[in-house]
C-alpha atoms as a PDB file:
ATOM      1  CA  MET A   1       9.012 -10.826  -2.086  1.00  0.00           C
ATOM      2  CA  ASN A   2       6.411  -9.656   0.306  1.00  0.00           C
ATOM      3  CA  ILE A   3       6.880 -10.569   3.919  1.00  0.00           C
ATOM      4  CA  LEU A   4       5.627  -9.165   7.412  1.00  0.00           C
ATOM      5  CA  ILE A   5       7.436  -7.577  10.221  1.00  0.00           C
ATOM      6  CA  ASN A   6       5.639  -7.180  13.396  1.00  0.00           C
ATOM      7  CA  ASP A   7       2.867  -7.123  11.190  1.00  0.00           C
ATOM      8  CA  HIS A   8       3.381  -4.241   8.861  1.00  0.00           C
ATOM      9  CA  PRO A   9       3.947  -5.405   5.066  1.00  0.00           C
ATOM     10  CA  SER A  10       7.429  -5.270   3.993  1.00  0.00           C
ATOM     11  CA  GLU A  11       9.354  -6.053   0.448  1.00  0.00           C
ATOM     12  CA  LEU A  12      12.673  -7.538   0.199  1.00  0.00           C
ATOM     13  CA  GLN A  13      14.628  -8.817  -2.984  1.00  0.00           C
ATOM     14  CA  GLU A  14      14.391 -12.806  -3.473  1.00  0.00           C
ATOM     15  CA  GLY A  15      17.244 -14.162  -1.493  1.00  0.00           C
ATOM     16  CA  ALA A  16      17.107 -12.142   1.500  1.00  0.00           C
ATOM     17  CA  THR A  17      17.786 -12.859   4.973  1.00  0.00           C
ATOM     18  CA  LEU A  18      16.579 -12.519   8.083  1.00  0.00           C
ATOM     19  CA  ALA A  19      19.521  -9.656   8.599  1.00  0.00           C
ATOM     20  CA  ASP A  20      18.738  -8.156   5.339  1.00  0.00           C
ATOM     21  CA  ALA A  21      15.017  -7.408   7.208  1.00  0.00           C
ATOM     22  CA  ILE A  22      16.294  -6.267   9.934  1.00  0.00           C
ATOM     23  CA  ALA A  23      18.688  -3.864   8.486  1.00  0.00           C
ATOM     24  CA  GLN A  24      15.570  -2.638   6.600  1.00  0.00           C
ATOM     25  CA  ALA A  25      13.202  -2.509  10.207  1.00  0.00           C
ATOM     26  CA  ARG A  26      16.156  -0.793  11.776  1.00  0.00           C
ATOM     27  CA  PRO A  27      14.793  -1.840  15.570  1.00  0.00           C
ATOM     28  CA  ARG A  28      16.557  -0.303  18.360  1.00  0.00           C
ATOM     29  CA  PRO A  29      18.174  -2.866  20.381  1.00  0.00           C
ATOM     30  CA  PRO A  30      18.681  -4.869  22.304  1.00  0.00           C
ATOM     31  CA  TYR A  31      15.765  -7.336  20.860  1.00  0.00           C
ATOM     32  CA  ALA A  32      15.251 -10.831  19.845  1.00  0.00           C
ATOM     33  CA  ALA A  33      14.005 -12.173  16.190  1.00  0.00           C
ATOM     34  CA  ALA A  34      11.863 -14.807  15.196  1.00  0.00           C
ATOM     35  CA  VAL A  35      10.492 -16.318  11.738  1.00  0.00           C
ATOM     36  CA  ASN A  36       7.556 -18.220  11.589  1.00  0.00           C
ATOM     37  CA  LYS A  37       7.018 -18.038  15.526  1.00  0.00           C
ATOM     38  CA  ALA A  38      10.505 -20.053  15.488  1.00  0.00           C
ATOM     39  CA  PHE A  39      13.561 -17.954  17.696  1.00  0.00           C
ATOM     40  CA  VAL A  40      16.172 -17.741  15.467  1.00  0.00           C
ATOM     41  CA  PRO A  41      19.522 -16.819  17.480  1.00  0.00           C
ATOM     42  CA  ARG A  42      21.642 -14.102  16.837  1.00  0.00           C
ATOM     43  CA  THR A  43      24.283 -16.099  15.422  1.00  0.00           C
ATOM     44  CA  ALA A  44      21.934 -16.956  12.633  1.00  0.00           C
ATOM     45  CA  TYR A  45      20.691 -14.098  11.356  1.00  0.00           C
ATOM     46  CA  VAL A  46      22.671 -13.586   8.194  1.00  0.00           C
ATOM     47  CA  THR A  47      22.609 -17.473   7.249  1.00  0.00           C
ATOM     48  CA  THR A  48      18.579 -17.771   8.175  1.00  0.00           C
ATOM     49  CA  PRO A  49      17.208 -17.513   4.336  1.00  0.00           C
ATOM     50  CA  LEU A  50      13.561 -16.135   3.951  1.00  0.00           C
ATOM     51  CA  ALA A  51      10.704 -16.415   1.497  1.00  0.00           C
ATOM     52  CA  GLU A  52       7.486 -15.313   0.222  1.00  0.00           C
ATOM     53  CA  GLY A  53       4.968 -14.684   3.031  1.00  0.00           C
ATOM     54  CA  ASP A  54       7.281 -14.974   6.117  1.00  0.00           C
ATOM     55  CA  ARG A  55       6.751 -13.349   9.341  1.00  0.00           C
ATOM     56  CA  ILE A  56       8.959 -11.866  11.225  1.00  0.00           C
ATOM     57  CA  GLU A  57       8.893 -10.743  14.812  1.00  0.00           C
ATOM     58  CA  LEU A  58      11.333  -8.286  16.451  1.00  0.00           C
ATOM     59  CA  ILE A  59      10.740  -8.501  20.192  1.00  0.00           C
ATOM     60  CA  ALA A  60      12.110  -6.162  23.083  1.00  0.00           C
ATOM     61  CA  PRO A  61      12.745  -7.447  26.166  1.00  0.00           C
ATOM     62  CA  VAL A  62      10.178  -6.426  28.658  1.00  0.00           C
ATOM     63  CA  THR A  63      11.405  -5.643  32.286  1.00  0.00           C
ATOM     64  CA  GLY A  64       9.402  -5.475  35.603  1.00  0.00           C
ATOM     65  CA  GLY A  65       7.908  -7.588  38.485  1.00  0.00           C
END
């Protein structure tokens, strides 16, 4: 299936989860994840199924004042 990870096209097998997409993207921790603009708690990464056309955002925290 074709998805977007941080606006970059990516291909995953059917039945893939958010955890699979994160493993493929290999972001540097710490980060938060969202699917189609909806925040997903870390505990739900392995149980969050993905579908064709989903948009995944992996967001690093920004600090400062």
